[in-house]
Amino acid sequence: MSDLATLRRQLKIKAGATSRLKKEHELYRQEAVDQKIKKDKLIADGAEEWDIKNAGKMEDESEKMIQDSAGRLAKAYGELRDLIVSAKKEPALVEDKDFLEAEGILEEAAL
């Protein structure tokens, strides 16, 4: 019984982490779009060179965060996928609420 409890707990933890990282990644992607729009607006308005350069740095930083969060999301996704594959070997978990929730999160993260 201890193994099932541990597996359920790990499913819940990994699913939560994957879900959080998916949201974080989407936020960074939106931030990058917003930064690009801001920089383009500064250029179109003829803003000072320093402001445009600073906006460019902010845009670059957003792009770096996208790459970082994508890597962390891929790692969490892989760990959750592997855990779900192991959990499928346990017939008692196939209809478990946490297992089904973890599968749903895995499908969402794949998009």
C-alpha atoms as a PDB file:
ATOM      1  CA  MET A   1       0.000   0.000   0.000  1.00  0.00           C
ATOM      2  CA  SER A   2       2.906   2.302   0.683  1.00  0.00           C
ATOM      3  CA  ASP A   3       4.012   2.125  -2.952  1.00  0.00           C
ATOM      4  CA  LEU A   4       0.579   3.200  -4.177  1.00  0.00           C
ATOM      5  CA  ALA A   5       0.477   6.101  -1.745  1.00  0.00           C
ATOM      6  CA  THR A   6       3.959   7.187  -2.818  1.00  0.00           C
ATOM      7  CA  LEU A   7       3.034   6.886  -6.484  1.00  0.00           C
ATOM      8  CA  ARG A   8      -0.138   8.946  -5.953  1.00  0.00           C
ATOM      9  CA  ARG A   9       1.840  11.586  -4.109  1.00  0.00           C
ATOM     10  CA  GLN A  10       4.484  11.734  -6.838  1.00  0.00           C
ATOM     11  CA  LEU A  11       1.780  11.988  -9.509  1.00  0.00           C
ATOM     12  CA  LYS A  12       0.244  14.935  -7.699  1.00  0.00           C
ATOM     13  CA  ILE A  13       3.601  16.670  -7.243  1.00  0.00           C
ATOM     14  CA  LYS A  14       4.817  16.134 -10.825  1.00  0.00           C
ATOM     15  CA  ALA A  15       1.444  17.096 -12.294  1.00  0.00           C
ATOM     16  CA  GLY A  16       1.394  20.295 -10.244  1.00  0.00           C
ATOM     17  CA  ALA A  17       4.926  21.207 -11.288  1.00  0.00           C
ATOM     18  CA  THR A  18       4.193  20.530 -14.953  1.00  0.00           C
ATOM     19  CA  SER A  19       1.019  22.594 -14.813  1.00  0.00           C
ATOM     20  CA  ARG A  20       2.808  25.491 -13.113  1.00  0.00           C
ATOM     21  CA  LEU A  21       5.681  25.426 -15.606  1.00  0.00           C
ATOM     22  CA  LYS A  22       3.255  25.366 -18.532  1.00  0.00           C
ATOM     23  CA  LYS A  23       1.562  28.511 -17.195  1.00  0.00           C
ATOM     24  CA  GLU A  24       4.915  30.148 -16.519  1.00  0.00           C
ATOM     25  CA  HIS A  25       6.123  29.392 -20.052  1.00  0.00           C
ATOM     26  CA  GLU A  26       2.959  30.874 -21.553  1.00  0.00           C
ATOM     27  CA  LEU A  27       3.375  34.022 -19.438  1.00  0.00           C
ATOM     28  CA  TYR A  28       6.961  34.479 -20.625  1.00  0.00           C
ATOM     29  CA  ARG A  29       5.838  34.068 -24.232  1.00  0.00           C
ATOM     30  CA  GLN A  30       3.171  36.729 -23.749  1.00  0.00           C
ATOM     31  CA  GLU A  31       5.691  39.001 -22.042  1.00  0.00           C
ATOM     32  CA  ALA A  32       8.026  38.693 -25.035  1.00  0.00           C
ATOM     33  CA  VAL A  33       5.214  39.707 -27.374  1.00  0.00           C
ATOM     34  CA  ASP A  34       4.377  42.665 -25.137  1.00  0.00           C
ATOM     35  CA  GLN A  35       8.031  43.742 -25.012  1.00  0.00           C
ATOM     36  CA  LYS A  36       8.300  43.591 -28.812  1.00  0.00           C
ATOM     37  CA  ILE A  37       5.164  45.714 -29.186  1.00  0.00           C
ATOM     38  CA  LYS A  38       6.545  48.197 -26.660  1.00  0.00           C
ATOM     39  CA  LYS A  39       9.887  48.418 -28.483  1.00  0.00           C
ATOM     40  CA  ASP A  40       8.213  48.819 -31.877  1.00  0.00           C
ATOM     41  CA  LYS A  41       6.026  51.595 -30.464  1.00  0.00           C
ATOM     42  CA  LEU A  42       9.084  53.388 -29.099  1.00  0.00           C
ATOM     43  CA  ILE A  43      10.760  53.159 -32.512  1.00  0.00           C
ATOM     44  CA  ALA A  44       7.623  54.382 -34.290  1.00  0.00           C
ATOM     45  CA  ASP A  45       7.252  57.294 -31.856  1.00  0.00           C
ATOM     46  CA  GLY A  46      10.888  58.314 -32.343  1.00  0.00           C
ATOM     47  CA  ALA A  47      11.856  57.775 -28.712  1.00  0.00           C
ATOM     48  CA  GLU A  48      15.363  58.349 -27.423  1.00  0.00           C
ATOM     49  CA  GLU A  49      18.029  55.822 -28.356  1.00  0.00           C
ATOM     50  CA  TRP A  50      18.536  54.827 -24.701  1.00  0.00           C
ATOM     51  CA  ASP A  51      14.844  53.930 -24.304  1.00  0.00           C
ATOM     52  CA  ILE A  52      14.871  51.852 -27.491  1.00  0.00           C
ATOM     53  CA  LYS A  53      18.096  50.103 -26.466  1.00  0.00           C
ATOM     54  CA  ASN A  54      16.692  49.375 -22.998  1.00  0.00           C
ATOM     55  CA  ALA A  55      13.477  47.990 -24.527  1.00  0.00           C
ATOM     56  CA  GLY A  56      15.627  45.765 -26.744  1.00  0.00           C
ATOM     57  CA  LYS A  57      17.446  44.445 -23.685  1.00  0.00           C
ATOM     58  CA  MET A  58      14.130  43.696 -22.008  1.00  0.00           C
ATOM     59  CA  GLU A  59      12.967  41.864 -25.129  1.00  0.00           C
ATOM     60  CA  ASP A  60      16.179  39.809 -25.195  1.00  0.00           C
ATOM     61  CA  GLU A  61      15.755  38.940 -21.520  1.00  0.00           C
ATOM     62  CA  SER A  62      12.206  37.738 -22.214  1.00  0.00           C
ATOM     63  CA  GLU A  63      13.503  35.517 -25.010  1.00  0.00           C
ATOM     64  CA  LYS A  64      16.088  34.003 -22.659  1.00  0.00           C
ATOM     65  CA  MET A  65      13.384  33.272 -20.106  1.00  0.00           C
ATOM     66  CA  ILE A  66      11.302  31.551 -22.785  1.00  0.00           C
ATOM     67  CA  GLN A  67      14.205  29.234 -23.564  1.00  0.00           C
ATOM     68  CA  ASP A  68      14.833  28.573 -19.868  1.00  0.00           C
ATOM     69  CA  SER A  69      11.200  27.852 -19.065  1.00  0.00           C
ATOM     70  CA  ALA A  70      10.875  25.641 -22.157  1.00  0.00           C
ATOM     71  CA  GLY A  71      13.767  23.501 -20.919  1.00  0.00           C
ATOM     72  CA  ARG A  72      12.327  23.196 -17.431  1.00  0.00           C
ATOM     73  CA  LEU A  73       8.889  22.393 -18.849  1.00  0.00           C
ATOM     74  CA  ALA A  74      10.331  19.695 -21.116  1.00  0.00           C
ATOM     75  CA  LYS A  75      12.103  18.101 -18.151  1.00  0.00           C
ATOM     76  CA  ALA A  76       8.968  18.168 -15.962  1.00  0.00           C
ATOM     77  CA  TYR A  77       6.877  16.838 -18.855  1.00  0.00           C
ATOM     78  CA  GLY A  78       9.271  13.918 -19.355  1.00  0.00           C
ATOM     79  CA  GLU A  79       9.289  13.072 -15.664  1.00  0.00           C
ATOM     80  CA  LEU A  80       5.484  13.163 -15.494  1.00  0.00           C
ATOM     81  CA  ARG A  81       5.184  11.051 -18.645  1.00  0.00           C
ATOM     82  CA  ASP A  82       7.561   8.433 -17.223  1.00  0.00           C
ATOM     83  CA  LEU A  83       5.665   8.405 -13.933  1.00  0.00           C
ATOM     84  CA  ILE A  84       2.344   7.939 -15.713  1.00  0.00           C
ATOM     85  CA  VAL A  85       3.784   5.025 -17.706  1.00  0.00           C
ATOM     86  CA  SER A  86       4.870   3.394 -14.419  1.00  0.00           C
ATOM     87  CA  ALA A  87       1.504   4.118 -12.810  1.00  0.00           C
ATOM     88  CA  LYS A  88      -0.357   2.401 -15.658  1.00  0.00           C
ATOM     89  CA  LYS A  89       1.210  -0.851 -14.481  1.00  0.00           C
ATOM     90  CA  GLU A  90      -0.748  -0.517 -11.227  1.00  0.00           C
ATOM     91  CA  PRO A  91      -4.383  -1.483 -11.900  1.00  0.00           C
ATOM     92  CA  ALA A  92      -5.530   0.225  -8.696  1.00  0.00           C
ATOM     93  CA  LEU A  93      -4.363   3.611 -10.007  1.00  0.00           C
ATOM     94  CA  VAL A  94      -5.864   3.541 -13.495  1.00  0.00           C
ATOM     95  CA  GLU A  95      -9.180   4.995 -12.277  1.00  0.00           C
ATOM     96  CA  ASP A  96      -7.645   7.103  -9.496  1.00  0.00           C
ATOM     97  CA  LYS A  97      -8.540  10.816  -9.439  1.00  0.00           C
ATOM     98  CA  ASP A  98      -4.919  11.941  -9.156  1.00  0.00           C
ATOM     99  CA  PHE A  99      -3.867   9.658 -12.008  1.00  0.00           C
ATOM    100  CA  LEU A 100      -6.604  10.941 -14.316  1.00  0.00           C
ATOM    101  CA  GLU A 101      -5.775  14.530 -13.401  1.00  0.00           C
ATOM    102  CA  ALA A 102      -2.085  13.909 -14.135  1.00  0.00           C
ATOM    103  CA  GLU A 103      -2.966  12.450 -17.535  1.00  0.00           C
ATOM    104  CA  GLY A 104      -5.049  15.526 -18.334  1.00  0.00           C
ATOM    105  CA  ILE A 105      -2.210  17.842 -17.360  1.00  0.00           C
ATOM    106  CA  LEU A 106       0.169  15.816 -19.497  1.00  0.00           C
ATOM    107  CA  GLU A 107      -2.122  16.229 -22.501  1.00  0.00           C
ATOM    108  CA  GLU A 108      -2.442  19.987 -21.877  1.00  0.00           C
ATOM    109  CA  ALA A 109       1.311  20.421 -21.559  1.00  0.00           C
ATOM    110  CA  ALA A 110       1.873  18.627 -24.852  1.00  0.00           C
ATOM    111  CA  LEU A 111       0.001  21.343 -26.769  1.00  0.00           C
END
